C-alpha atoms as a PDB file:
ATOM      1  CA  MET A   1      31.076  14.304   4.889  1.00  0.00           C
ATOM      2  CA  LEU A   2      27.754  15.931   3.487  1.00  0.00           C
ATOM      3  CA  VAL A   3      28.848  14.082   0.188  1.00  0.00           C
ATOM      4  CA  PHE A   4      28.866  10.804   1.745  1.00  0.00           C
ATOM      5  CA  PHE A   5      25.619  10.972   3.566  1.00  0.00           C
ATOM      6  CA  ASN A   6      23.921  11.969   0.211  1.00  0.00           C
ATOM      7  CA  SER A   7      25.617   8.837  -1.396  1.00  0.00           C
ATOM      8  CA  ILE A   8      24.329   7.058   1.026  1.00  0.00           C
ATOM      9  CA  ILE A   9      20.836   8.367   0.979  1.00  0.00           C
ATOM     10  CA  ARG A  10      20.863   7.580  -2.903  1.00  0.00           C
ATOM     11  CA  MET A  11      22.032   4.065  -2.298  1.00  0.00           C
ATOM     12  CA  ILE A  12      18.902   3.327  -0.090  1.00  0.00           C
ATOM     13  CA  TYR A  13      16.625   3.509  -3.376  1.00  0.00           C
ATOM     14  CA  PHE A  14      18.820   0.510  -4.968  1.00  0.00           C
ATOM     15  CA  ILE A  15      18.746  -1.936  -2.114  1.00  0.00           C
ATOM     16  CA  SER A  16      17.453  -5.269  -3.007  1.00  0.00           C
ATOM     17  CA  TYR A  17      15.887  -7.927  -0.823  1.00  0.00           C
ATOM     18  CA  GLN A  18      16.490 -11.552  -2.009  1.00  0.00           C
ATOM     19  CA  LEU A  19      13.148 -13.360  -2.004  1.00  0.00           C
ATOM     20  CA  GLY A  20      13.786 -17.163  -2.847  1.00  0.00           C
ATOM     21  CA  GLU A  21      15.916 -17.011  -6.369  1.00  0.00           C
ATOM     22  CA  VAL A  22      14.402 -13.734  -7.006  1.00  0.00           C
ATOM     23  CA  GLU A  23      15.879 -10.483  -6.301  1.00  0.00           C
ATOM     24  CA  VAL A  24      13.268  -7.745  -5.878  1.00  0.00           C
ATOM     25  CA  SER A  25      14.129  -3.921  -5.467  1.00  0.00           C
ATOM     26  CA  ASN A  26      13.374  -1.532  -2.756  1.00  0.00           C
ATOM     27  CA  LEU A  27      11.355   0.274  -5.158  1.00  0.00           C
ATOM     28  CA  THR A  28       9.418  -2.351  -6.317  1.00  0.00           C
ATOM     29  CA  ILE A  29       8.442  -3.433  -2.767  1.00  0.00           C
ATOM     30  CA  ILE A  30       7.400   0.264  -2.349  1.00  0.00           C
ATOM     31  CA  ILE A  31       5.227   0.501  -5.279  1.00  0.00           C
ATOM     32  CA  CYS A  32       3.269  -2.677  -4.534  1.00  0.00           C
ATOM     33  CA  ALA A  33       2.663  -1.584  -0.884  1.00  0.00           C
ATOM     34  CA  ILE A  34       1.161   1.389  -2.359  1.00  0.00           C
ATOM     35  CA  PHE A  35      -1.164   0.001  -4.716  1.00  0.00           C
ATOM     36  CA  SER A  36      -2.139  -2.941  -1.977  1.00  0.00           C
ATOM     37  CA  SER A  37      -3.037  -0.040   0.565  1.00  0.00           C
ATOM     38  CA  PHE A  38      -4.987   1.557  -1.875  1.00  0.00           C
ATOM     39  CA  THR A  39      -6.921  -1.314  -3.308  1.00  0.00           C
ATOM     40  CA  PHE A  40      -7.434  -2.538   0.920  1.00  0.00           C
ATOM     41  CA  ILE A  41      -8.944   0.966   1.322  1.00  0.00           C
ATOM     42  CA  ALA A  42     -11.045   1.261  -1.867  1.00  0.00           C
ATOM     43  CA  VAL A  43     -12.388  -2.063  -0.720  1.00  0.00           C
ATOM     44  CA  GLY A  44     -13.020  -1.029   2.676  1.00  0.00           C
ATOM     45  CA  ILE A  45     -15.028   2.529   1.871  1.00  0.00           C
ATOM     46  CA  SER A  46     -17.336   0.098  -0.748  1.00  0.00           C
ATOM     47  CA  SER A  47     -17.962  -2.362   2.028  1.00  0.00           C
ATOM     48  CA  TYR A  48     -18.956   0.470   4.313  1.00  0.00           C
ATOM     49  CA  LYS A  49     -21.091   2.041   2.041  1.00  0.00           C
ATOM     50  CA  LEU A  50     -22.643  -1.466   1.026  1.00  0.00           C
ATOM     51  CA  TYR A  51     -23.487  -1.980   4.867  1.00  0.00           C
ATOM     52  CA  LYS A  52     -24.410   1.736   5.829  1.00  0.00           C
ATOM     53  CA  SER A  53     -27.115   1.450   2.605  1.00  0.00           C
ATOM     54  CA  LEU A  54     -28.296  -1.822   4.002  1.00  0.00           C
ATOM     55  CA  VAL A  55     -29.038  -0.633   7.560  1.00  0.00           C
ATOM     56  CA  ASN A  56     -30.809   2.475   5.990  1.00  0.00           C
ATOM     57  CA  SER A  57     -32.984   0.140   3.933  1.00  0.00           C
ATOM     58  CA  ASP A  58     -34.084  -1.676   7.043  1.00  0.00           C
ATOM     59  CA  ASN A  59     -34.498   1.438   9.179  1.00  0.00           C
ATOM     60  CA  SER A  60     -37.081   2.640   6.532  1.00  0.00           C
ATOM     61  CA  ASP A  61     -39.284  -0.452   6.233  1.00  0.00           C
ATOM     62  CA  THR A  62     -40.343  -0.553   9.842  1.00  0.00           C
END
């Protein structure tokens, strides 16, 4: 029974999704999601620092 569940868990990594005519593996989707979230977080941090420096610049002029 344990061997069956172990083989099922290994098969989950190789599931592929049909996106139109292209077949994409589960691992590819996970890697794209990780890179996309990393980019989103980096842009958010950069935008926050830019806004923070703008607000601090306005306060020092008055």
